[in-house]
Amino acid sequence: YQMFSSVIFAAIGVLGAGYCFILSAVAINNGPKCYTDSGWKYPFENGNYLSNHTLWDDCQSPENIIPWNLTLFSLLLVMSGIQLVLCGIQVVNGLLGTLCGDCKCCGCCG
């Protein structure tokens, strides 16, 4: 029962990490909300600001919001990717532990 509950919790971790990964990728693509000549809006919704740094001048406030946004969501993207891998490994480990138990059935312990 303990190994199966480990699978459930690891699967929840996979779902959470997947959500964070997708959210971070979308946030990097859309860019930050900032104050422009026409008010508060998302001026980079199509992702064109990543390759064209001259567009960064469109954001007047808050100061340095674009590097801050990129740093935050890039770190979240990397960390959620690592979490996806680790939780995926734990799901496999828990499933093997649940199905094989003490390894007498599949001979995987040598």
C-alpha atoms as a PDB file:
ATOM      1  CA  TYR A   1       0.000   0.000   0.000  1.00  0.00           C
ATOM      2  CA  GLN A   2       2.861   2.403   0.764  1.00  0.00           C
ATOM      3  CA  MET A   3       4.410   1.972  -2.666  1.00  0.00           C
ATOM      4  CA  PHE A   4       1.066   2.582  -4.359  1.00  0.00           C
ATOM      5  CA  SER A   5       0.499   5.772  -2.355  1.00  0.00           C
ATOM      6  CA  SER A   6       3.972   6.861  -3.482  1.00  0.00           C
ATOM      7  CA  VAL A   7       2.797   6.447  -7.082  1.00  0.00           C
ATOM      8  CA  ILE A   8      -0.277   8.591  -6.410  1.00  0.00           C
ATOM      9  CA  PHE A   9       1.730  11.402  -4.809  1.00  0.00           C
ATOM     10  CA  ALA A  10       4.362  11.284  -7.553  1.00  0.00           C
ATOM     11  CA  ALA A  11       1.616  11.441 -10.195  1.00  0.00           C
ATOM     12  CA  ILE A  12       0.229  14.550  -8.488  1.00  0.00           C
ATOM     13  CA  GLY A  13       3.772  15.953  -8.617  1.00  0.00           C
ATOM     14  CA  VAL A  14       3.910  15.226 -12.353  1.00  0.00           C
ATOM     15  CA  LEU A  15       0.624  17.088 -12.861  1.00  0.00           C
ATOM     16  CA  GLY A  16       1.821  20.093 -10.857  1.00  0.00           C
ATOM     17  CA  ALA A  17       5.180  20.197 -12.607  1.00  0.00           C
ATOM     18  CA  GLY A  18       3.502  19.896 -15.999  1.00  0.00           C
ATOM     19  CA  TYR A  19       1.178  22.779 -15.154  1.00  0.00           C
ATOM     20  CA  CYS A  20       4.111  24.943 -14.032  1.00  0.00           C
ATOM     21  CA  PHE A  21       6.098  24.017 -17.155  1.00  0.00           C
ATOM     22  CA  ILE A  22       3.267  24.982 -19.518  1.00  0.00           C
ATOM     23  CA  LEU A  23       2.444  28.156 -17.581  1.00  0.00           C
ATOM     24  CA  SER A  24       6.098  29.256 -17.629  1.00  0.00           C
ATOM     25  CA  ALA A  25       6.455  28.609 -21.355  1.00  0.00           C
ATOM     26  CA  VAL A  26       3.314  30.641 -22.083  1.00  0.00           C
ATOM     27  CA  ALA A  27       4.465  33.458 -19.779  1.00  0.00           C
ATOM     28  CA  ILE A  28       7.839  33.628 -21.541  1.00  0.00           C
ATOM     29  CA  ASN A  29       6.122  33.701 -24.922  1.00  0.00           C
ATOM     30  CA  ASN A  30       3.547  36.366 -23.970  1.00  0.00           C
ATOM     31  CA  GLY A  31       5.933  38.598 -22.053  1.00  0.00           C
ATOM     32  CA  PRO A  32       5.168  40.791 -19.058  1.00  0.00           C
ATOM     33  CA  LYS A  33       2.313  43.197 -18.510  1.00  0.00           C
ATOM     34  CA  CYS A  34       3.761  46.687 -18.380  1.00  0.00           C
ATOM     35  CA  TYR A  35       2.902  50.337 -18.765  1.00  0.00           C
ATOM     36  CA  THR A  36       3.190  51.632 -22.338  1.00  0.00           C
ATOM     37  CA  ASP A  37       2.100  54.789 -24.141  1.00  0.00           C
ATOM     38  CA  SER A  38      -1.417  53.347 -24.367  1.00  0.00           C
ATOM     39  CA  GLY A  39      -1.656  52.216 -20.718  1.00  0.00           C
ATOM     40  CA  TRP A  40      -1.162  48.897 -18.948  1.00  0.00           C
ATOM     41  CA  LYS A  41      -1.162  45.983 -21.395  1.00  0.00           C
ATOM     42  CA  TYR A  42       0.726  42.965 -22.734  1.00  0.00           C
ATOM     43  CA  PRO A  43       2.643  44.554 -25.628  1.00  0.00           C
ATOM     44  CA  PHE A  44       4.554  41.387 -26.627  1.00  0.00           C
ATOM     45  CA  GLU A  45       1.761  38.807 -26.863  1.00  0.00           C
ATOM     46  CA  ASN A  46       3.131  37.135 -29.991  1.00  0.00           C
ATOM     47  CA  GLY A  47       6.612  36.474 -28.529  1.00  0.00           C
ATOM     48  CA  ASN A  48       8.449  38.787 -30.916  1.00  0.00           C
ATOM     49  CA  TYR A  49      10.249  40.568 -28.074  1.00  0.00           C
ATOM     50  CA  LEU A  50      12.615  37.655 -27.438  1.00  0.00           C
ATOM     51  CA  SER A  51      14.644  38.223 -30.598  1.00  0.00           C
ATOM     52  CA  ASN A  52      14.106  41.988 -30.935  1.00  0.00           C
ATOM     53  CA  HIS A  53      15.526  43.783 -27.900  1.00  0.00           C
ATOM     54  CA  THR A  54      14.624  47.209 -29.269  1.00  0.00           C
ATOM     55  CA  LEU A  55      10.978  46.417 -28.459  1.00  0.00           C
ATOM     56  CA  TRP A  56      11.903  46.350 -24.775  1.00  0.00           C
ATOM     57  CA  ASP A  57      11.807  50.150 -24.776  1.00  0.00           C
ATOM     58  CA  ASP A  58       8.013  49.967 -25.222  1.00  0.00           C
ATOM     59  CA  CYS A  59       7.711  49.082 -21.525  1.00  0.00           C
ATOM     60  CA  GLN A  60       8.080  52.284 -19.540  1.00  0.00           C
ATOM     61  CA  SER A  61       7.232  50.868 -16.130  1.00  0.00           C
ATOM     62  CA  PRO A  62       8.099  48.858 -14.010  1.00  0.00           C
ATOM     63  CA  GLU A  63      11.800  49.271 -14.584  1.00  0.00           C
ATOM     64  CA  ASN A  64      13.668  46.150 -15.824  1.00  0.00           C
ATOM     65  CA  ILE A  65      10.445  44.115 -15.949  1.00  0.00           C
ATOM     66  CA  ILE A  66      11.444  42.157 -19.057  1.00  0.00           C
ATOM     67  CA  PRO A  67      14.721  40.702 -17.694  1.00  0.00           C
ATOM     68  CA  TRP A  68      12.962  40.019 -14.393  1.00  0.00           C
ATOM     69  CA  ASN A  69      10.104  38.221 -16.167  1.00  0.00           C
ATOM     70  CA  LEU A  70      12.488  36.176 -18.312  1.00  0.00           C
ATOM     71  CA  THR A  71      14.647  35.202 -15.331  1.00  0.00           C
ATOM     72  CA  LEU A  72      11.708  34.192 -13.143  1.00  0.00           C
ATOM     73  CA  PHE A  73       9.889  32.100 -15.711  1.00  0.00           C
ATOM     74  CA  SER A  74      13.077  30.564 -17.131  1.00  0.00           C
ATOM     75  CA  LEU A  75      14.011  29.348 -13.657  1.00  0.00           C
ATOM     76  CA  LEU A  76      10.488  28.014 -13.130  1.00  0.00           C
ATOM     77  CA  LEU A  77      10.651  26.274 -16.513  1.00  0.00           C
ATOM     78  CA  VAL A  78      13.952  24.558 -15.681  1.00  0.00           C
ATOM     79  CA  MET A  79      12.912  23.583 -12.161  1.00  0.00           C
ATOM     80  CA  SER A  80       9.558  22.193 -13.285  1.00  0.00           C
ATOM     81  CA  GLY A  81      11.345  20.193 -15.988  1.00  0.00           C
ATOM     82  CA  ILE A  82      13.613  18.678 -13.337  1.00  0.00           C
ATOM     83  CA  GLN A  83      10.575  17.982 -11.152  1.00  0.00           C
ATOM     84  CA  LEU A  84       8.840  16.256 -14.077  1.00  0.00           C
ATOM     85  CA  VAL A  85      11.811  13.939 -14.553  1.00  0.00           C
ATOM     86  CA  LEU A  86      12.192  13.133 -10.854  1.00  0.00           C
ATOM     87  CA  CYS A  87       8.481  12.530 -10.293  1.00  0.00           C
ATOM     88  CA  GLY A  88       8.343  10.413 -13.450  1.00  0.00           C
ATOM     89  CA  ILE A  89      11.177   8.260 -12.117  1.00  0.00           C
ATOM     90  CA  GLN A  90       9.343   7.949  -8.798  1.00  0.00           C
ATOM     91  CA  VAL A  91       6.158   6.849 -10.583  1.00  0.00           C
ATOM     92  CA  VAL A  92       8.079   4.079 -12.363  1.00  0.00           C
ATOM     93  CA  ASN A  93       9.851   3.108  -9.136  1.00  0.00           C
ATOM     94  CA  GLY A  94       6.579   2.997  -7.213  1.00  0.00           C
ATOM     95  CA  LEU A  95       4.836   0.965  -9.913  1.00  0.00           C
ATOM     96  CA  LEU A  96       7.662  -1.571  -9.944  1.00  0.00           C
ATOM     97  CA  GLY A  97       7.535  -1.732  -6.149  1.00  0.00           C
ATOM     98  CA  THR A  98       3.768  -2.178  -6.204  1.00  0.00           C
ATOM     99  CA  LEU A  99       3.786  -4.859  -8.896  1.00  0.00           C
ATOM    100  CA  CYS A 100       6.924  -6.764  -7.924  1.00  0.00           C
ATOM    101  CA  GLY A 101       6.860  -6.273  -4.167  1.00  0.00           C
ATOM    102  CA  ASP A 102       9.976  -8.014  -2.889  1.00  0.00           C
ATOM    103  CA  CYS A 103      11.138  -8.859  -6.451  1.00  0.00           C
ATOM    104  CA  LYS A 104      10.298 -12.571  -6.243  1.00  0.00           C
ATOM    105  CA  CYS A 105       7.834 -12.343  -9.132  1.00  0.00           C
ATOM    106  CA  CYS A 106       9.995 -10.684 -11.771  1.00  0.00           C
ATOM    107  CA  GLY A 107      13.523 -11.518 -10.631  1.00  0.00           C
ATOM    108  CA  CYS A 108      14.665  -7.931 -11.005  1.00  0.00           C
ATOM    109  CA  CYS A 109      16.689  -7.996  -7.775  1.00  0.00           C
ATOM    110  CA  GLY A 110      19.223 -10.492  -9.042  1.00  0.00           C
END
